[in-house]
PDB file of all heavy atoms in Angstrom:
ATOM      1  N   ALA A   1      82.604  71.871  97.949  1.00  0.00           N
ATOM      2  CA  ALA A   1      81.618  71.710  99.023  1.00  0.00           C
ATOM      3  C   ALA A   1      81.921  72.655 100.179  1.00  0.00           C
ATOM      4  O   ALA A   1      80.996  73.185 100.813  1.00  0.00           O
ATOM      5  CB  ALA A   1      81.598  70.263  99.501  1.00  0.00           C
ATOM      6  N   ALA A   2      83.194  72.891 100.459  1.00  0.00           N
ATOM      7  CA  ALA A   2      83.563  73.820 101.534  1.00  0.00           C
ATOM      8  C   ALA A   2      83.074  75.229 101.212  1.00  0.00           C
ATOM      9  O   ALA A   2      82.593  75.958 102.093  1.00  0.00           O
ATOM     10  CB  ALA A   2      85.075  73.807 101.746  1.00  0.00           C
ATOM     11  N   ILE A   3      83.179  75.634  99.949  1.00  0.00           N
ATOM     12  CA  ILE A   3      82.677  76.943  99.532  1.00  0.00           C
ATOM     13  C   ILE A   3      81.162  77.005  99.695  1.00  0.00           C
ATOM     14  O   ILE A   3      80.610  77.983 100.223  1.00  0.00           O
ATOM     15  CB  ILE A   3      83.083  77.226  98.073  1.00  0.00           C
ATOM     16  CG1 ILE A   3      84.604  77.372  97.976  1.00  0.00           C
ATOM     17  CG2 ILE A   3      82.381  78.473  97.542  1.00  0.00           C
ATOM     18  CD1 ILE A   3      85.137  77.368  96.553  1.00  0.00           C
ATOM     19  N   ALA A   4      80.479  75.957  99.259  1.00  0.00           N
ATOM     20  CA  ALA A   4      79.022  75.918  99.403  1.00  0.00           C
ATOM     21  C   ALA A   4      78.608  75.940 100.864  1.00  0.00           C
ATOM     22  O   ALA A   4      77.603  76.566 101.230  1.00  0.00           O
ATOM     23  CB  ALA A   4      78.466  74.664  98.717  1.00  0.00           C
ATOM     24  N   ALA A   5      79.381  75.273 101.733  1.00  0.00           N
ATOM     25  CA  ALA A   5      79.070  75.254 103.156  1.00  0.00           C
ATOM     26  C   ALA A   5      79.205  76.640 103.774  1.00  0.00           C
ATOM     27  O   ALA A   5      78.411  77.023 104.650  1.00  0.00           O
ATOM     28  CB  ALA A   5      79.976  74.259 103.877  1.00  0.00           C
ATOM     29  N   LEU A   6      80.194  77.415 103.335  1.00  0.00           N
ATOM     30  CA  LEU A   6      80.352  78.773 103.856  1.00  0.00           C
ATOM     31  C   LEU A   6      79.176  79.658 103.460  1.00  0.00           C
ATOM     32  O   LEU A   6      78.716  80.491 104.254  1.00  0.00           O
ATOM     33  CB  LEU A   6      81.669  79.367 103.349  1.00  0.00           C
ATOM     34  CG  LEU A   6      82.927  78.807 104.016  1.00  0.00           C
ATOM     35  CD1 LEU A   6      84.175  79.216 103.230  1.00  0.00           C
ATOM     36  CD2 LEU A   6      83.034  79.295 105.464  1.00  0.00           C
ATOM     37  N   HIS A   7      78.671  79.493 102.251  1.00  0.00           N
ATOM     38  CA  HIS A   7      77.457  80.218 101.845  1.00  0.00           C
ATOM     39  C   HIS A   7      76.269  79.786 102.708  1.00  0.00           C
ATOM     40  O   HIS A   7      75.487  80.620 103.171  1.00  0.00           O
ATOM     41  CB  HIS A   7      77.147  79.954 100.371  1.00  0.00           C
ATOM     42  CG  HIS A   7      78.016  80.711  99.427  1.00  0.00           C
ATOM     43  ND1 HIS A   7      78.041  82.085  99.367  1.00  0.00           N
ATOM     44  CD2 HIS A   7      78.906  80.278  98.483  1.00  0.00           C
ATOM     45  CE1 HIS A   7      78.890  82.480  98.429  1.00  0.00           C
ATOM     46  NE2 HIS A   7      79.432  81.404  97.878  1.00  0.00           N
ATOM     47  N   ALA A   8      76.139  78.476 102.915  1.00  0.00           N
ATOM     48  CA  ALA A   8      75.001  77.960 103.680  1.00  0.00           C
ATOM     49  C   ALA A   8      75.057  78.373 105.147  1.00  0.00           C
ATOM     50  O   ALA A   8      74.022  78.523 105.807  1.00  0.00           O
ATOM     51  CB  ALA A   8      74.953  76.440 103.574  1.00  0.00           C
ATOM     52  N   ASP A   9      76.266  78.583 105.661  1.00  0.00           N
ATOM     53  CA  ASP A   9      76.442  78.903 107.078  1.00  0.00           C
ATOM     54  C   ASP A   9      76.135  80.364 107.399  1.00  0.00           C
ATOM     55  O   ASP A   9      75.888  80.713 108.555  1.00  0.00           O
ATOM     56  CB  ASP A   9      77.887  78.585 107.490  1.00  0.00           C
ATOM     57  CG  ASP A   9      78.110  78.718 108.981  1.00  0.00           C
ATOM     58  OD1 ASP A   9      77.355  78.090 109.748  1.00  0.00           O
ATOM     59  OD2 ASP A   9      79.035  79.454 109.383  1.00  0.00           O
ATOM     60  N   ALA A  10      76.139  81.230 106.387  1.00  0.00           N
ATOM     61  CA  ALA A  10      75.926  82.661 106.624  1.00  0.00           C
ATOM     62  C   ALA A  10      74.439  82.953 106.846  1.00  0.00           C
ATOM     63  O   ALA A  10      73.622  82.643 105.970  1.00  0.00           O
ATOM     64  CB  ALA A  10      76.445  83.468 105.444  1.00  0.00           C
ATOM     65  N   PRO A  11      74.073  83.566 107.979  1.00  0.00           N
ATOM     66  CA  PRO A  11      72.658  83.879 108.226  1.00  0.00           C
ATOM     67  C   PRO A  11      72.084  84.845 107.187  1.00  0.00           C
ATOM     68  O   PRO A  11      70.912  84.761 106.829  1.00  0.00           O
ATOM     69  CB  PRO A  11      72.670  84.522 109.619  1.00  0.00           C
ATOM     70  CG  PRO A  11      73.944  84.050 110.254  1.00  0.00           C
ATOM     71  CD  PRO A  11      74.920  83.920 109.124  1.00  0.00           C
ATOM     72  N   THR A  12      72.920  85.775 106.694  1.00  0.00           N
ATOM     73  CA  THR A  12      72.520  86.706 105.642  1.00  0.00           C
ATOM     74  C   THR A  12      73.642  86.794 104.620  1.00  0.00           C
ATOM     75  O   THR A  12      74.787  86.410 104.899  1.00  0.00           O
ATOM     76  CB  THR A  12      72.259  88.117 106.203  1.00  0.00           C
ATOM     77  OG1 THR A  12      73.491  88.656 106.715  1.00  0.00           O
ATOM     78  CG2 THR A  12      71.220  88.083 107.319  1.00  0.00           C
ATOM     79  N   ALA A  13      73.319  87.345 103.451  1.00  0.00           N
ATOM     80  CA  ALA A  13      74.339  87.493 102.412  1.00  0.00           C
ATOM     81  C   ALA A  13      75.476  88.394 102.890  1.00  0.00           C
ATOM     82  O   ALA A  13      76.644  88.158 102.575  1.00  0.00           O
ATOM     83  CB  ALA A  13      73.703  88.063 101.144  1.00  0.00           C
ATOM     84  N   GLU A  14      75.127  89.422 103.677  1.00  0.00           N
ATOM     85  CA  GLU A  14      76.133  90.364 104.151  1.00  0.00           C
ATOM     86  C   GLU A  14      77.117  89.729 105.117  1.00  0.00           C
ATOM     87  O   GLU A  14      78.235  90.218 105.290  1.00  0.00           O
ATOM     88  CB  GLU A  14      75.455  91.568 104.814  1.00  0.00           C
ATOM     89  CG  GLU A  14      74.640  92.450 103.877  1.00  0.00           C
ATOM     90  CD  GLU A  14      73.333  91.802 103.413  1.00  0.00           C
ATOM     91  OE1 GLU A  14      72.841  90.889 104.115  1.00  0.00           O
ATOM     92  OE2 GLU A  14      72.820  92.200 102.342  1.00  0.00           O
ATOM     93  N   GLU A  15      76.720  88.656 105.760  1.00  0.00           N
ATOM     94  CA  GLU A  15      77.576  87.999 106.752  1.00  0.00           C
ATOM     95  C   GLU A  15      78.409  86.862 106.158  1.00  0.00           C
ATOM     96  O   GLU A  15      79.087  86.135 106.888  1.00  0.00           O
ATOM     97  CB  GLU A  15      76.723  87.463 107.905  1.00  0.00           C
ATOM     98  CG  GLU A  15      76.014  88.551 108.705  1.00  0.00           C
ATOM     99  CD  GLU A  15      75.045  87.983 109.726  1.00  0.00           C
ATOM    100  OE1 GLU A  15      75.500  87.672 110.860  1.00  0.00           O
ATOM    101  OE2 GLU A  15      73.846  87.842 109.402  1.00  0.00           O
ATOM    102  N   THR A  16      78.389  86.712 104.848  1.00  0.00           N
ATOM    103  CA  THR A  16      79.174  85.664 104.200  1.00  0.00           C
ATOM    104  C   THR A  16      80.666  85.907 104.417  1.00  0.00           C
ATOM    105  O   THR A  16      81.143  87.033 104.273  1.00  0.00           O
ATOM    106  CB  THR A  16      78.882  85.629 102.691  1.00  0.00           C
ATOM    107  OG1 THR A  16      77.477  85.434 102.488  1.00  0.00           O
ATOM    108  CG2 THR A  16      79.642  84.495 102.015  1.00  0.00           C
ATOM    109  N   ASP A  17      81.384  84.848 104.746  1.00  0.00           N
ATOM    110  CA  ASP A  17      82.832  84.954 104.980  1.00  0.00           C
ATOM    111  C   ASP A  17      83.560  84.870 103.642  1.00  0.00           C
ATOM    112  O   ASP A  17      84.115  83.833 103.267  1.00  0.00           O
ATOM    113  CB  ASP A  17      83.286  83.827 105.913  1.00  0.00           C
ATOM    114  CG  ASP A  17      84.724  83.989 106.382  1.00  0.00           C
ATOM    115  OD1 ASP A  17      85.455  84.799 105.775  1.00  0.00           O
ATOM    116  OD2 ASP A  17      85.125  83.292 107.329  1.00  0.00           O
ATOM    117  N   TRP A  18      83.597  85.998 102.921  1.00  0.00           N
ATOM    118  CA  TRP A  18      84.174  86.005 101.583  1.00  0.00           C
ATOM    119  C   TRP A  18      85.688  85.795 101.599  1.00  0.00           C
ATOM    120  O   TRP A  18      86.241  85.232 100.649  1.00  0.00           O
ATOM    121  CB  TRP A  18      83.828  87.306 100.871  1.00  0.00           C
ATOM    122  CG  TRP A  18      82.409  87.361 100.420  1.00  0.00           C
ATOM    123  CD1 TRP A  18      81.392  88.088 100.972  1.00  0.00           C
ATOM    124  CD2 TRP A  18      81.829  86.618  99.334  1.00  0.00           C
ATOM    125  NE1 TRP A  18      80.217  87.854 100.296  1.00  0.00           N
ATOM    126  CE2 TRP A  18      80.464  86.963  99.278  1.00  0.00           C
ATOM    127  CE3 TRP A  18      82.328  85.724  98.397  1.00  0.00           C
ATOM    128  CZ2 TRP A  18      79.594  86.425  98.333  1.00  0.00           C
ATOM    129  CZ3 TRP A  18      81.476  85.188  97.451  1.00  0.00           C
ATOM    130  CH2 TRP A  18      80.116  85.536  97.426  1.00  0.00           C
ATOM    131  N   VAL A  19      86.344  86.248 102.656  1.00  0.00           N
ATOM    132  CA  VAL A  19      87.796  86.051 102.732  1.00  0.00           C
ATOM    133  C   VAL A  19      88.133  84.566 102.726  1.00  0.00           C
ATOM    134  O   VAL A  19      89.026  84.107 101.999  1.00  0.00           O
ATOM    135  CB  VAL A  19      88.379  86.745 103.982  1.00  0.00           C
ATOM    136  CG1 VAL A  19      89.850  86.376 104.164  1.00  0.00           C
ATOM    137  CG2 VAL A  19      88.210  88.258 103.883  1.00  0.00           C
ATOM    138  N   GLN A  20      87.399  83.791 103.518  1.00  0.00           N
ATOM    139  CA  GLN A  20      87.654  82.350 103.564  1.00  0.00           C
ATOM    140  C   GLN A  20      87.236  81.682 102.251  1.00  0.00           C
ATOM    141  O   GLN A  20      87.880  80.714 101.812  1.00  0.00           O
ATOM    142  CB  GLN A  20      86.920  81.727 104.749  1.00  0.00           C
ATOM    143  CG  GLN A  20      87.399  80.321 105.059  1.00  0.00           C
ATOM    144  CD  GLN A  20      86.799  79.735 106.328  1.00  0.00           C
ATOM    145  OE1 GLN A  20      86.926  78.543 106.585  1.00  0.00           O
ATOM    146  NE2 GLN A  20      86.138  80.551 107.129  1.00  0.00           N
ATOM    147  N   ILE A  21      86.196  82.204 101.620  1.00  0.00           N
ATOM    148  CA  ILE A  21      85.783  81.650 100.329  1.00  0.00           C
ATOM    149  C   ILE A  21      86.880  81.852  99.280  1.00  0.00           C
ATOM    150  O   ILE A  21      87.176  80.946  98.490  1.00  0.00           O
ATOM    151  CB  ILE A  21      84.447  82.283  99.880  1.00  0.00           C
ATOM    152  CG1 ILE A  21      83.300  81.727 100.737  1.00  0.00           C
ATOM    153  CG2 ILE A  21      84.187  82.017  98.393  1.00  0.00           C
ATOM    154  CD1 ILE A  21      81.944  82.338 100.439  1.00  0.00           C
ATOM    155  N   VAL A  22      87.512  83.027  99.284  1.00  0.00           N
ATOM    156  CA  VAL A  22      88.629  83.257  98.363  1.00  0.00           C
ATOM    157  C   VAL A  22      89.746  82.255  98.623  1.00  0.00           C
ATOM    158  O   VAL A  22      90.346  81.711  97.681  1.00  0.00           O
ATOM    159  CB  VAL A  22      89.163  84.700  98.496  1.00  0.00           C
ATOM    160  CG1 VAL A  22      90.462  84.856  97.684  1.00  0.00           C
ATOM    161  CG2 VAL A  22      88.128  85.701  98.014  1.00  0.00           C
ATOM    162  N   GLU A  23      90.029  81.978  99.895  1.00  0.00           N
ATOM    163  CA  GLU A  23      91.075  81.005 100.234  1.00  0.00           C
ATOM    164  C   GLU A  23      90.736  79.618  99.684  1.00  0.00           C
ATOM    165  O   GLU A  23      91.610  78.908  99.171  1.00  0.00           O
ATOM    166  CB  GLU A  23      91.268  80.966 101.745  1.00  0.00           C
ATOM    167  CG  GLU A  23      91.857  82.260 102.320  1.00  0.00           C
ATOM    168  CD  GLU A  23      91.893  82.261 103.835  1.00  0.00           C
ATOM    169  OE1 GLU A  23      91.365  81.292 104.444  1.00  0.00           O
ATOM    170  OE2 GLU A  23      92.435  83.212 104.412  1.00  0.00           O
ATOM    171  N   TRP A  24      89.476  79.237  99.776  1.00  0.00           N
ATOM    172  CA  TRP A  24      89.073  77.931  99.246  1.00  0.00           C
ATOM    173  C   TRP A  24      89.151  77.921  97.711  1.00  0.00           C
ATOM    174  O   TRP A  24      89.507  76.907  97.105  1.00  0.00           O
ATOM    175  CB  TRP A  24      87.678  77.555  99.724  1.00  0.00           C
ATOM    176  CG  TRP A  24      87.680  76.878 101.057  1.00  0.00           C
ATOM    177  CD1 TRP A  24      87.224  77.372 102.243  1.00  0.00           C
ATOM    178  CD2 TRP A  24      88.194  75.575 101.353  1.00  0.00           C
ATOM    179  NE1 TRP A  24      87.413  76.465 103.256  1.00  0.00           N
ATOM    180  CE2 TRP A  24      88.009  75.354 102.737  1.00  0.00           C
ATOM    181  CE3 TRP A  24      88.799  74.581 100.595  1.00  0.00           C
ATOM    182  CZ2 TRP A  24      88.396  74.165 103.362  1.00  0.00           C
ATOM    183  CZ3 TRP A  24      89.191  73.394 101.200  1.00  0.00           C
ATOM    184  CH2 TRP A  24      88.993  73.197 102.571  1.00  0.00           C
ATOM    185  N   TYR A  25      88.820  79.052  97.085  1.00  0.00           N
ATOM    186  CA  TYR A  25      88.969  79.118  95.629  1.00  0.00           C
ATOM    187  C   TYR A  25      90.438  78.999  95.226  1.00  0.00           C
ATOM    188  O   TYR A  25      90.766  78.417  94.176  1.00  0.00           O
ATOM    189  CB  TYR A  25      88.362  80.405  95.071  1.00  0.00           C
ATOM    190  CG  TYR A  25      86.903  80.268  94.712  1.00  0.00           C
ATOM    191  CD1 TYR A  25      85.936  81.084  95.282  1.00  0.00           C
ATOM    192  CD2 TYR A  25      86.488  79.316  93.774  1.00  0.00           C
ATOM    193  CE1 TYR A  25      84.594  80.953  94.953  1.00  0.00           C
ATOM    194  CE2 TYR A  25      85.151  79.170  93.434  1.00  0.00           C
ATOM    195  CZ  TYR A  25      84.207  79.997  94.028  1.00  0.00           C
ATOM    196  OH  TYR A  25      82.881  79.844  93.704  1.00  0.00           O
ATOM    197  N   ASP A  26      91.324  79.544  96.032  1.00  0.00           N
ATOM    198  CA  ASP A  26      92.758  79.380  95.757  1.00  0.00           C
ATOM    199  C   ASP A  26      93.145  77.903  95.815  1.00  0.00           C
ATOM    200  O   ASP A  26      93.908  77.408  94.974  1.00  0.00           O
ATOM    201  CB  ASP A  26      93.586  80.188  96.761  1.00  0.00           C
ATOM    202  CG  ASP A  26      93.497  81.692  96.522  1.00  0.00           C
ATOM    203  OD1 ASP A  26      93.152  82.084  95.398  1.00  0.00           O
ATOM    204  OD2 ASP A  26      93.755  82.455  97.467  1.00  0.00           O
ATOM    205  N   GLU A  27      92.627  77.194  96.817  1.00  0.00           N
ATOM    206  CA  GLU A  27      92.879  75.747  96.916  1.00  0.00           C
ATOM    207  C   GLU A  27      92.320  75.032  95.688  1.00  0.00           C
ATOM    208  O   GLU A  27      92.984  74.176  95.094  1.00  0.00           O
ATOM    209  CB  GLU A  27      92.230  75.184  98.182  1.00  0.00           C
ATOM    210  CG  GLU A  27      92.844  75.655  99.495  1.00  0.00           C
ATOM    211  CD  GLU A  27      94.067  74.837  99.863  1.00  0.00           C
ATOM    212  OE1 GLU A  27      94.469  73.960  99.079  1.00  0.00           O
ATOM    213  OE2 GLU A  27      94.620  75.082 100.954  1.00  0.00           O
ATOM    214  N   LEU A  28      91.105  75.389  95.312  1.00  0.00           N
ATOM    215  CA  LEU A  28      90.439  74.731  94.185  1.00  0.00           C
ATOM    216  C   LEU A  28      91.165  75.011  92.873  1.00  0.00           C
ATOM    217  O   LEU A  28      91.331  74.109  92.040  1.00  0.00           O
ATOM    218  CB  LEU A  28      88.987  75.210  94.114  1.00  0.00           C
ATOM    219  CG  LEU A  28      88.064  74.540  93.106  1.00  0.00           C
ATOM    220  CD1 LEU A  28      88.026  73.033  93.303  1.00  0.00           C
ATOM    221  CD2 LEU A  28      86.655  75.136  93.218  1.00  0.00           C
ATOM    222  N   ALA A  29      91.621  76.237  92.685  1.00  0.00           N
ATOM    223  CA  ALA A  29      92.369  76.571  91.471  1.00  0.00           C
ATOM    224  C   ALA A  29      93.665  75.771  91.395  1.00  0.00           C
ATOM    225  O   ALA A  29      94.082  75.351  90.305  1.00  0.00           O
ATOM    226  CB  ALA A  29      92.665  78.069  91.437  1.00  0.00           C
TER     227      ALA A  29
END
C-alpha cells in the first residue's frame, strides 16, 4: 500500500519518487 500511495501522490509520472519506491520494495522483499 505504501508503494501504491507513492504512485498516487505523484502529480505526474515524471515526479514519482522512485528512490523511495525501491526502498519499500526492499522492505517488501
